[in-house]
Amino acid sequence: MKIIRFRVTLGYLLGLSVAVVAGCDRRSQTPANQPAQATAATPTSTPTESKTINIAAAADLRFSMAALIAGFNAQHPEIHIKTTFGASGNLTAQISNRAPFDVFMSADAGYPDKLIAQKDALADTRFVYAMGTLVLWVPNQSDVRDTADLSILKSESFHKIAIANPKLAPYGRAAEAALKKEGLWDAVKDRIVLGENIAQTAQFLTTGAADAGLVSRSLAVTGPLKSTGRIIAIPDSDYPPIEQVAVVVASTSEPDAAKAFCAFIASDAGRTILESHGLHPPPKRG
């Protein structure tokens, strides 16, 4: 009887062991199976990689650039924009010396064309993004009629007349050309103060360091100058056309993003933004 009970007990224990092992094996497989099923059932998406491009921009774009970037980022939130403003001549020199810019927005055509000739910019990306306009700015308190012209600068009441440096800034060359065309250069040259770029020229007017100035319309109708003074038109025939040209820099590390930004500037949305900031859009190409 004892032997029989021992065999029964042993058989029972063996059966119980097998059941326990099987149960443990089933439990150990469940967690491994569940994630695999969940992964197969849940679609995955790869986030868009963010990119950064650096824009070298003419100083007359100081107030319009923020609006351009906002409009562009509404379509391309993954592309971040950094901007450096300066005289077009200085920016050209920096790009020639391999400064890390991706797009150059010049205040005239000559500088981008120079970079293209040096193979520092891509010729097939060149386009005119705006036509610049030169105006005479005078403070609100000045006794000047709205019908006045550049000849008012003969008055000794304008002790300092600000223009951008003609050697560096297209608007400075335009100002010098206009004053010479009107026969005023010799009468005012001793009272002229030069800004390194058109933005610094506008700053002379804002701070009172100059009593009048020849500046871009884009700065005169926006920012501090808009509320503190008024503008007097200068005939377009007094100075060479100011074709503002953009180009992608040849050394860019983000050519697709750079070209996308240029495409936005050339689009109807970009042209509208520039026009609202005092820059005339170029004629549309047929």
C-alpha atoms as a PDB file:
ATOM      1  CA  MET A   1       0.000   0.000   0.000  1.00  0.00           C
ATOM      2  CA  LYS A   2       2.795   2.384   0.785  1.00  0.00           C
ATOM      3  CA  ILE A   3       4.468   1.683  -2.514  1.00  0.00           C
ATOM      4  CA  ILE A   4       1.254   2.346  -4.405  1.00  0.00           C
ATOM      5  CA  ARG A   5       0.683   5.627  -2.582  1.00  0.00           C
ATOM      6  CA  PHE A   6       4.241   6.689  -3.380  1.00  0.00           C
ATOM      7  CA  ARG A   7       3.716   6.113  -7.086  1.00  0.00           C
ATOM      8  CA  VAL A   8       0.466   8.009  -7.089  1.00  0.00           C
ATOM      9  CA  THR A   9       2.023  10.870  -5.234  1.00  0.00           C
ATOM     10  CA  LEU A  10       5.013  10.937  -7.547  1.00  0.00           C
ATOM     11  CA  GLY A  11       2.787  10.888 -10.634  1.00  0.00           C
ATOM     12  CA  TYR A  12       0.685  13.642  -9.236  1.00  0.00           C
ATOM     13  CA  LEU A  13       3.722  15.746  -8.501  1.00  0.00           C
ATOM     14  CA  LEU A  14       5.126  15.218 -11.963  1.00  0.00           C
ATOM     15  CA  GLY A  15       1.824  16.203 -13.539  1.00  0.00           C
ATOM     16  CA  LEU A  16       1.590  19.257 -11.343  1.00  0.00           C
ATOM     17  CA  SER A  17       5.128  20.290 -12.305  1.00  0.00           C
ATOM     18  CA  VAL A  18       4.332  20.023 -15.986  1.00  0.00           C
ATOM     19  CA  ALA A  19       1.199  22.143 -15.539  1.00  0.00           C
ATOM     20  CA  VAL A  20       3.075  24.805 -13.584  1.00  0.00           C
ATOM     21  CA  VAL A  21       5.871  24.967 -16.172  1.00  0.00           C
ATOM     22  CA  ALA A  22       3.355  25.207 -19.019  1.00  0.00           C
ATOM     23  CA  GLY A  23       1.491  27.960 -17.200  1.00  0.00           C
ATOM     24  CA  CYS A  24       4.698  29.883 -16.588  1.00  0.00           C
ATOM     25  CA  ASP A  25       5.651  29.475 -20.244  1.00  0.00           C
ATOM     26  CA  ARG A  26       2.298  30.866 -21.351  1.00  0.00           C
ATOM     27  CA  ARG A  27       2.622  33.841 -19.021  1.00  0.00           C
ATOM     28  CA  SER A  28       6.147  34.574 -20.196  1.00  0.00           C
ATOM     29  CA  GLN A  29       5.047  34.651 -23.853  1.00  0.00           C
ATOM     30  CA  THR A  30       2.146  37.081 -23.401  1.00  0.00           C
ATOM     31  CA  PRO A  31       4.130  40.303 -22.808  1.00  0.00           C
ATOM     32  CA  ALA A  32       6.415  39.502 -25.712  1.00  0.00           C
ATOM     33  CA  ASN A  33       3.474  39.007 -28.055  1.00  0.00           C
ATOM     34  CA  GLN A  34       1.480  42.064 -27.040  1.00  0.00           C
ATOM     35  CA  PRO A  35       3.964  44.776 -28.040  1.00  0.00           C
ATOM     36  CA  ALA A  36       4.518  43.115 -31.401  1.00  0.00           C
ATOM     37  CA  GLN A  37       0.776  43.166 -32.044  1.00  0.00           C
ATOM     38  CA  ALA A  38       0.495  46.791 -30.873  1.00  0.00           C
ATOM     39  CA  THR A  39       3.423  47.883 -33.066  1.00  0.00           C
ATOM     40  CA  ALA A  40       1.898  46.231 -36.096  1.00  0.00           C
ATOM     41  CA  ALA A  41      -1.466  47.867 -35.457  1.00  0.00           C
ATOM     42  CA  THR A  42      -0.156  51.390 -34.721  1.00  0.00           C
ATOM     43  CA  PRO A  43       1.248  53.304 -37.729  1.00  0.00           C
ATOM     44  CA  THR A  44       4.424  55.283 -37.096  1.00  0.00           C
ATOM     45  CA  SER A  45       5.422  58.640 -38.677  1.00  0.00           C
ATOM     46  CA  THR A  46       8.839  60.242 -39.048  1.00  0.00           C
ATOM     47  CA  PRO A  47       8.903  63.891 -37.917  1.00  0.00           C
ATOM     48  CA  THR A  48      10.053  66.423 -40.524  1.00  0.00           C
ATOM     49  CA  GLU A  49      13.692  67.330 -39.978  1.00  0.00           C
ATOM     50  CA  SER A  50      14.191  71.001 -39.097  1.00  0.00           C
ATOM     51  CA  LYS A  51      16.634  73.098 -41.098  1.00  0.00           C
ATOM     52  CA  THR A  52      18.185  76.528 -40.642  1.00  0.00           C
ATOM     53  CA  ILE A  53      19.185  78.948 -43.387  1.00  0.00           C
ATOM     54  CA  ASN A  54      21.073  82.223 -43.023  1.00  0.00           C
ATOM     55  CA  ILE A  55      19.984  85.250 -45.037  1.00  0.00           C
ATOM     56  CA  ALA A  56      22.309  88.157 -45.858  1.00  0.00           C
ATOM     57  CA  ALA A  57      19.839  91.015 -46.389  1.00  0.00           C
ATOM     58  CA  ALA A  58      20.196  94.606 -47.533  1.00  0.00           C
ATOM     59  CA  ALA A  59      19.545  97.060 -44.725  1.00  0.00           C
ATOM     60  CA  ASP A  60      16.397  98.491 -46.347  1.00  0.00           C
ATOM     61  CA  LEU A  61      14.679  95.137 -45.610  1.00  0.00           C
ATOM     62  CA  ARG A  62      14.987  95.543 -41.851  1.00  0.00           C
ATOM     63  CA  PHE A  63      11.246  96.012 -41.271  1.00  0.00           C
ATOM     64  CA  SER A  64       9.874  93.880 -44.094  1.00  0.00           C
ATOM     65  CA  MET A  65      11.933  90.773 -43.323  1.00  0.00           C
ATOM     66  CA  ALA A  66       9.961  89.817 -40.218  1.00  0.00           C
ATOM     67  CA  ALA A  67       6.755  89.726 -42.261  1.00  0.00           C
ATOM     68  CA  LEU A  68       8.452  87.719 -45.025  1.00  0.00           C
ATOM     69  CA  ILE A  69       9.710  85.150 -42.535  1.00  0.00           C
ATOM     70  CA  ALA A  70       6.296  84.843 -40.879  1.00  0.00           C
ATOM     71  CA  GLY A  71       4.632  84.261 -44.252  1.00  0.00           C
ATOM     72  CA  PHE A  72       7.262  81.730 -45.290  1.00  0.00           C
ATOM     73  CA  ASN A  73       7.087  79.818 -41.998  1.00  0.00           C
ATOM     74  CA  ALA A  74       3.330  79.512 -42.336  1.00  0.00           C
ATOM     75  CA  GLN A  75       4.108  77.277 -45.324  1.00  0.00           C
ATOM     76  CA  HIS A  76       7.421  75.836 -44.126  1.00  0.00           C
ATOM     77  CA  PRO A  77       7.444  75.647 -40.313  1.00  0.00           C
ATOM     78  CA  GLU A  78      10.363  73.225 -40.410  1.00  0.00           C
ATOM     79  CA  ILE A  79      12.758  75.822 -41.854  1.00  0.00           C
ATOM     80  CA  HIS A  80      14.228  78.356 -39.432  1.00  0.00           C
ATOM     81  CA  ILE A  81      15.526  81.697 -40.731  1.00  0.00           C
ATOM     82  CA  LYS A  82      18.415  83.754 -39.370  1.00  0.00           C
ATOM     83  CA  THR A  83      19.057  87.190 -40.860  1.00  0.00           C
ATOM     84  CA  THR A  84      22.084  89.488 -41.009  1.00  0.00           C
ATOM     85  CA  PHE A  85      21.453  93.040 -42.241  1.00  0.00           C
ATOM     86  CA  GLY A  86      24.081  95.301 -43.737  1.00  0.00           C
ATOM     87  CA  ALA A  87      25.262  97.344 -46.679  1.00  0.00           C
ATOM     88  CA  SER A  88      25.104  95.247 -49.830  1.00  0.00           C
ATOM     89  CA  GLY A  89      28.794  95.929 -50.514  1.00  0.00           C
ATOM     90  CA  ASN A  90      29.861  94.708 -47.089  1.00  0.00           C
ATOM     91  CA  LEU A  91      27.697  91.592 -47.342  1.00  0.00           C
ATOM     92  CA  THR A  92      29.190  90.829 -50.755  1.00  0.00           C
ATOM     93  CA  ALA A  93      32.682  90.999 -49.286  1.00  0.00           C
ATOM     94  CA  GLN A  94      31.662  88.627 -46.490  1.00  0.00           C
ATOM     95  CA  ILE A  95      30.201  86.112 -48.942  1.00  0.00           C
ATOM     96  CA  SER A  96      33.354  86.333 -51.077  1.00  0.00           C
ATOM     97  CA  ASN A  97      35.281  85.417 -47.918  1.00  0.00           C
ATOM     98  CA  ARG A  98      33.081  82.339 -47.350  1.00  0.00           C
ATOM     99  CA  ALA A  99      30.738  83.723 -44.688  1.00  0.00           C
ATOM    100  CA  PRO A 100      28.116  81.033 -43.932  1.00  0.00           C
ATOM    101  CA  PHE A 101      25.153  82.557 -45.774  1.00  0.00           C
ATOM    102  CA  ASP A 102      22.603  80.636 -47.841  1.00  0.00           C
ATOM    103  CA  VAL A 103      20.697  83.476 -49.560  1.00  0.00           C
ATOM    104  CA  PHE A 104      21.797  87.005 -50.454  1.00  0.00           C
ATOM    105  CA  MET A 105      19.130  89.711 -50.869  1.00  0.00           C
ATOM    106  CA  SER A 106      20.975  92.690 -52.303  1.00  0.00           C
ATOM    107  CA  ALA A 107      19.706  96.235 -52.744  1.00  0.00           C
ATOM    108  CA  ASP A 108      20.970  96.226 -56.322  1.00  0.00           C
ATOM    109  CA  ALA A 109      21.932  93.889 -59.133  1.00  0.00           C
ATOM    110  CA  GLY A 110      25.642  94.623 -59.306  1.00  0.00           C
ATOM    111  CA  TYR A 111      26.718  92.775 -56.185  1.00  0.00           C
ATOM    112  CA  PRO A 112      24.925  89.464 -56.857  1.00  0.00           C
ATOM    113  CA  ASP A 113      26.209  89.583 -60.439  1.00  0.00           C
ATOM    114  CA  LYS A 114      29.733  89.996 -59.097  1.00  0.00           C
ATOM    115  CA  LEU A 115      29.268  86.925 -56.901  1.00  0.00           C
ATOM    116  CA  ILE A 116      27.901  84.940 -59.847  1.00  0.00           C
ATOM    117  CA  ALA A 117      30.949  85.915 -61.921  1.00  0.00           C
ATOM    118  CA  GLN A 118      33.171  84.693 -59.067  1.00  0.00           C
ATOM    119  CA  LYS A 119      31.131  81.466 -58.866  1.00  0.00           C
ATOM    120  CA  ASP A 120      30.207  82.373 -55.286  1.00  0.00           C
ATOM    121  CA  ALA A 121      26.482  82.443 -56.176  1.00  0.00           C
ATOM    122  CA  LEU A 122      24.277  80.253 -58.366  1.00  0.00           C
ATOM    123  CA  ALA A 123      23.405  81.978 -61.627  1.00  0.00           C
ATOM    124  CA  ASP A 124      20.180  80.038 -62.185  1.00  0.00           C
ATOM    125  CA  THR A 125      18.738  81.283 -58.871  1.00  0.00           C
ATOM    126  CA  ARG A 126      19.103  85.016 -59.625  1.00  0.00           C
ATOM    127  CA  PHE A 127      15.891  87.061 -59.699  1.00  0.00           C
ATOM    128  CA  VAL A 128      14.713  90.630 -59.135  1.00  0.00           C
ATOM    129  CA  TYR A 129      12.539  90.640 -56.021  1.00  0.00           C
ATOM    130  CA  ALA A 130      11.736  94.364 -55.802  1.00  0.00           C
ATOM    131  CA  MET A 131      12.345  97.820 -57.238  1.00  0.00           C
ATOM    132  CA  GLY A 132      13.683 100.301 -54.717  1.00  0.00           C
ATOM    133  CA  THR A 133      12.528 103.919 -54.419  1.00  0.00           C
ATOM    134  CA  LEU A 134      14.563 106.839 -53.096  1.00  0.00           C
ATOM    135  CA  VAL A 135      12.770 109.602 -51.141  1.00  0.00           C
ATOM    136  CA  LEU A 136      13.680 112.720 -49.200  1.00  0.00           C
ATOM    137  CA  TRP A 137      12.662 112.521 -45.513  1.00  0.00           C
ATOM    138  CA  VAL A 138      12.143 115.614 -43.366  1.00  0.00           C
ATOM    139  CA  PRO A 139      10.903 115.813 -39.748  1.00  0.00           C
ATOM    140  CA  ASN A 140       7.309 116.757 -39.046  1.00  0.00           C
ATOM    141  CA  GLN A 141       8.305 120.045 -37.398  1.00  0.00           C
ATOM    142  CA  SER A 142      10.122 121.318 -40.475  1.00  0.00           C
ATOM    143  CA  ASP A 143       8.401 124.097 -42.409  1.00  0.00           C
ATOM    144  CA  VAL A 144       8.336 122.280 -45.742  1.00  0.00           C
ATOM    145  CA  ARG A 145       5.438 122.079 -48.155  1.00  0.00           C
ATOM    146  CA  ASP A 146       4.316 118.709 -49.473  1.00  0.00           C
ATOM    147  CA  THR A 147       4.932 119.995 -53.001  1.00  0.00           C
ATOM    148  CA  ALA A 148       8.584 120.701 -52.243  1.00  0.00           C
ATOM    149  CA  ASP A 149      11.494 119.067 -54.035  1.00  0.00           C
ATOM    150  CA  LEU A 150      15.192 118.445 -53.424  1.00  0.00           C
ATOM    151  CA  SER A 151      15.997 122.146 -53.892  1.00  0.00           C
ATOM    152  CA  ILE A 152      14.858 122.799 -50.310  1.00  0.00           C
ATOM    153  CA  LEU A 153      18.180 121.295 -49.207  1.00  0.00           C
ATOM    154  CA  LYS A 154      19.886 124.525 -50.275  1.00  0.00           C
ATOM    155  CA  SER A 155      18.424 126.083 -47.138  1.00  0.00           C
ATOM    156  CA  GLU A 156      20.962 126.473 -44.359  1.00  0.00           C
ATOM    157  CA  SER A 157      18.281 125.310 -41.908  1.00  0.00           C
ATOM    158  CA  PHE A 158      19.271 121.776 -42.877  1.00  0.00           C
ATOM    159  CA  HIS A 159      22.607 121.653 -41.084  1.00  0.00           C
ATOM    160  CA  LYS A 160      23.179 117.925 -41.614  1.00  0.00           C
ATOM    161  CA  ILE A 161      21.874 115.863 -44.531  1.00  0.00           C
ATOM    162  CA  ALA A 162      22.141 112.085 -44.219  1.00  0.00           C
ATOM    163  CA  ILE A 163      22.768 109.693 -47.085  1.00  0.00           C
ATOM    164  CA  ALA A 164      24.178 106.165 -47.191  1.00  0.00           C
ATOM    165  CA  ASN A 165      27.806 105.678 -48.182  1.00  0.00           C
ATOM    166  CA  PRO A 166      27.837 105.587 -52.009  1.00  0.00           C
ATOM    167  CA  LYS A 167      30.849 103.261 -51.968  1.00  0.00           C
ATOM    168  CA  LEU A 168      28.939 100.565 -50.071  1.00  0.00           C
ATOM    169  CA  ALA A 169      25.201 101.097 -50.439  1.00  0.00           C
ATOM    170  CA  PRO A 170      23.094 101.308 -53.622  1.00  0.00           C
ATOM    171  CA  TYR A 171      20.790 103.873 -52.012  1.00  0.00           C
ATOM    172  CA  GLY A 172      23.847 106.017 -51.317  1.00  0.00           C
ATOM    173  CA  ARG A 173      24.820 105.930 -54.983  1.00  0.00           C
ATOM    174  CA  ALA A 174      21.235 106.792 -55.912  1.00  0.00           C
ATOM    175  CA  ALA A 175      21.264 109.746 -53.472  1.00  0.00           C
ATOM    176  CA  GLU A 176      24.519 111.085 -54.862  1.00  0.00           C
ATOM    177  CA  ALA A 177      23.220 110.712 -58.431  1.00  0.00           C
ATOM    178  CA  ALA A 178      19.980 112.545 -57.595  1.00  0.00           C
ATOM    179  CA  LEU A 179      21.752 115.450 -55.919  1.00  0.00           C
ATOM    180  CA  LYS A 180      24.113 115.820 -58.863  1.00  0.00           C
ATOM    181  CA  LYS A 181      21.284 115.540 -61.374  1.00  0.00           C
ATOM    182  CA  GLU A 182      19.464 118.418 -59.630  1.00  0.00           C
ATOM    183  CA  GLY A 183      22.672 120.496 -59.479  1.00  0.00           C
ATOM    184  CA  LEU A 184      22.729 120.413 -55.679  1.00  0.00           C
ATOM    185  CA  TRP A 185      25.825 118.365 -54.887  1.00  0.00           C
ATOM    186  CA  ASP A 186      28.279 121.243 -54.535  1.00  0.00           C
ATOM    187  CA  ALA A 187      25.806 123.201 -52.402  1.00  0.00           C
ATOM    188  CA  VAL A 188      25.233 120.382 -49.885  1.00  0.00           C
ATOM    189  CA  LYS A 189      28.324 118.143 -49.943  1.00  0.00           C
ATOM    190  CA  ASP A 190      29.910 119.841 -46.918  1.00  0.00           C
ATOM    191  CA  ARG A 191      26.771 119.162 -44.853  1.00  0.00           C
ATOM    192  CA  ILE A 192      26.401 115.514 -45.775  1.00  0.00           C
ATOM    193  CA  VAL A 193      26.838 112.803 -43.146  1.00  0.00           C
ATOM    194  CA  LEU A 194      27.332 109.237 -44.370  1.00  0.00           C
ATOM    195  CA  GLY A 195      25.717 106.163 -42.892  1.00  0.00           C
ATOM    196  CA  GLU A 196      27.478 102.848 -43.398  1.00  0.00           C
ATOM    197  CA  ASN A 197      24.195 101.527 -44.808  1.00  0.00           C
ATOM    198  CA  ILE A 198      20.694 102.840 -45.372  1.00  0.00           C
ATOM    199  CA  ALA A 199      19.516 101.608 -41.952  1.00  0.00           C
ATOM    200  CA  GLN A 200      22.201 103.622 -40.176  1.00  0.00           C
ATOM    201  CA  THR A 201      21.272 106.603 -42.344  1.00  0.00           C
ATOM    202  CA  ALA A 202      17.688 106.268 -41.119  1.00  0.00           C
ATOM    203  CA  GLN A 203      18.981 106.050 -37.552  1.00  0.00           C
ATOM    204  CA  PHE A 204      20.719 109.441 -37.964  1.00  0.00           C
ATOM    205  CA  LEU A 205      17.307 110.891 -38.781  1.00  0.00           C
ATOM    206  CA  THR A 206      15.531 109.138 -35.919  1.00  0.00           C
ATOM    207  CA  THR A 207      18.045 110.363 -33.331  1.00  0.00           C
ATOM    208  CA  GLY A 208      18.253 113.909 -34.689  1.00  0.00           C
ATOM    209  CA  ALA A 209      21.872 113.554 -35.780  1.00  0.00           C
ATOM    210  CA  ALA A 210      20.711 114.800 -39.182  1.00  0.00           C
ATOM    211  CA  ASP A 211      17.984 117.278 -40.145  1.00  0.00           C
ATOM    212  CA  ALA A 212      16.985 115.601 -43.408  1.00  0.00           C
ATOM    213  CA  GLY A 213      17.998 112.592 -45.401  1.00  0.00           C
ATOM    214  CA  LEU A 214      17.714 110.662 -48.630  1.00  0.00           C
ATOM    215  CA  VAL A 215      16.564 107.170 -47.697  1.00  0.00           C
ATOM    216  CA  SER A 216      14.697 104.201 -49.086  1.00  0.00           C
ATOM    217  CA  ARG A 217      10.938 104.445 -49.173  1.00  0.00           C
ATOM    218  CA  SER A 218      10.806 101.060 -47.431  1.00  0.00           C
ATOM    219  CA  LEU A 219      12.357 102.588 -44.293  1.00  0.00           C
ATOM    220  CA  ALA A 220      10.544 105.928 -44.544  1.00  0.00           C
ATOM    221  CA  VAL A 221       7.038 104.415 -44.514  1.00  0.00           C
ATOM    222  CA  THR A 222       7.731 101.871 -41.761  1.00  0.00           C
ATOM    223  CA  GLY A 223       9.323 101.922 -38.334  1.00  0.00           C
ATOM    224  CA  PRO A 224      10.191 105.117 -36.439  1.00  0.00           C
ATOM    225  CA  LEU A 225      10.512 107.361 -39.510  1.00  0.00           C
ATOM    226  CA  LYS A 226       6.870 106.828 -40.446  1.00  0.00           C
ATOM    227  CA  SER A 227       5.514 108.608 -37.371  1.00  0.00           C
ATOM    228  CA  THR A 228       8.211 111.260 -36.926  1.00  0.00           C
ATOM    229  CA  GLY A 229       8.450 112.734 -40.398  1.00  0.00           C
ATOM    230  CA  ARG A 230       7.142 112.906 -43.944  1.00  0.00           C
ATOM    231  CA  ILE A 231       8.522 112.105 -47.332  1.00  0.00           C
ATOM    232  CA  ILE A 232       9.053 114.155 -50.460  1.00  0.00           C
ATOM    233  CA  ALA A 233       9.124 112.332 -53.770  1.00  0.00           C
ATOM    234  CA  ILE A 234      12.236 112.292 -55.929  1.00  0.00           C
ATOM    235  CA  PRO A 235      11.783 111.785 -59.689  1.00  0.00           C
ATOM    236  CA  ASP A 236      12.750 108.288 -60.807  1.00  0.00           C
ATOM    237  CA  SER A 237      14.716 109.869 -63.624  1.00  0.00           C
ATOM    238  CA  ASP A 238      17.109 111.448 -61.112  1.00  0.00           C
ATOM    239  CA  TYR A 239      18.842 108.171 -60.317  1.00  0.00           C
ATOM    240  CA  PRO A 240      19.489 104.779 -61.940  1.00  0.00           C
ATOM    241  CA  PRO A 241      16.816 102.106 -61.362  1.00  0.00           C
ATOM    242  CA  ILE A 242      17.338 100.261 -58.091  1.00  0.00           C
ATOM    243  CA  GLU A 243      16.832  96.613 -59.009  1.00  0.00           C
ATOM    244  CA  GLN A 244      16.953  94.596 -55.804  1.00  0.00           C
ATOM    245  CA  VAL A 245      18.227  91.116 -56.619  1.00  0.00           C
ATOM    246  CA  ALA A 246      18.324  87.876 -54.641  1.00  0.00           C
ATOM    247  CA  VAL A 247      20.502  84.852 -55.263  1.00  0.00           C
ATOM    248  CA  VAL A 248      21.380  81.550 -53.563  1.00  0.00           C
ATOM    249  CA  VAL A 249      24.956  81.407 -52.313  1.00  0.00           C
ATOM    250  CA  ALA A 250      26.993  78.665 -53.985  1.00  0.00           C
ATOM    251  CA  SER A 251      28.398  77.304 -50.713  1.00  0.00           C
ATOM    252  CA  THR A 252      24.981  76.794 -49.103  1.00  0.00           C
ATOM    253  CA  SER A 253      24.568  73.588 -47.128  1.00  0.00           C
ATOM    254  CA  GLU A 254      20.770  73.762 -47.519  1.00  0.00           C
ATOM    255  CA  PRO A 255      20.107  74.417 -51.229  1.00  0.00           C
ATOM    256  CA  ASP A 256      16.526  73.120 -51.197  1.00  0.00           C
ATOM    257  CA  ALA A 257      15.527  75.249 -48.207  1.00  0.00           C
ATOM    258  CA  ALA A 258      17.285  78.297 -49.676  1.00  0.00           C
ATOM    259  CA  LYS A 259      15.487  77.883 -53.002  1.00  0.00           C
ATOM    260  CA  ALA A 260      12.158  77.423 -51.199  1.00  0.00           C
ATOM    261  CA  PHE A 261      12.656  80.767 -49.425  1.00  0.00           C
ATOM    262  CA  CYS A 262      13.482  82.485 -52.725  1.00  0.00           C
ATOM    263  CA  ALA A 263      10.398  80.930 -54.324  1.00  0.00           C
ATOM    264  CA  PHE A 264       8.222  82.395 -51.569  1.00  0.00           C
ATOM    265  CA  ILE A 265       9.697  85.874 -52.039  1.00  0.00           C
ATOM    266  CA  ALA A 266       8.948  85.674 -55.762  1.00  0.00           C
ATOM    267  CA  SER A 267       5.403  84.416 -55.169  1.00  0.00           C
ATOM    268  CA  ASP A 268       2.308  86.617 -55.056  1.00  0.00           C
ATOM    269  CA  ALA A 269       2.316  86.377 -51.252  1.00  0.00           C
ATOM    270  CA  GLY A 270       5.908  87.545 -51.022  1.00  0.00           C
ATOM    271  CA  ARG A 271       5.403  90.362 -53.501  1.00  0.00           C
ATOM    272  CA  THR A 272       2.373  91.577 -51.540  1.00  0.00           C
ATOM    273  CA  ILE A 273       4.360  91.683 -48.309  1.00  0.00           C
ATOM    274  CA  LEU A 274       7.194  93.652 -49.911  1.00  0.00           C
ATOM    275  CA  GLU A 275       4.798  96.101 -51.522  1.00  0.00           C
ATOM    276  CA  SER A 276       3.063  96.729 -48.197  1.00  0.00           C
ATOM    277  CA  HIS A 277       6.481  97.694 -46.797  1.00  0.00           C
ATOM    278  CA  GLY A 278       7.280 100.293 -49.443  1.00  0.00           C
ATOM    279  CA  LEU A 279       9.036  98.155 -52.055  1.00  0.00           C
ATOM    280  CA  HIS A 280       7.557  98.054 -55.539  1.00  0.00           C
ATOM    281  CA  PRO A 281       7.370  94.542 -57.002  1.00  0.00           C
ATOM    282  CA  PRO A 282       9.158  94.029 -60.321  1.00  0.00           C
ATOM    283  CA  PRO A 283       7.069  93.461 -63.434  1.00  0.00           C
ATOM    284  CA  LYS A 284       5.867  89.858 -63.651  1.00  0.00           C
ATOM    285  CA  ARG A 285       7.630  87.766 -66.194  1.00  0.00           C
ATOM    286  CA  GLY A 286       5.337  86.520 -68.940  1.00  0.00           C
END
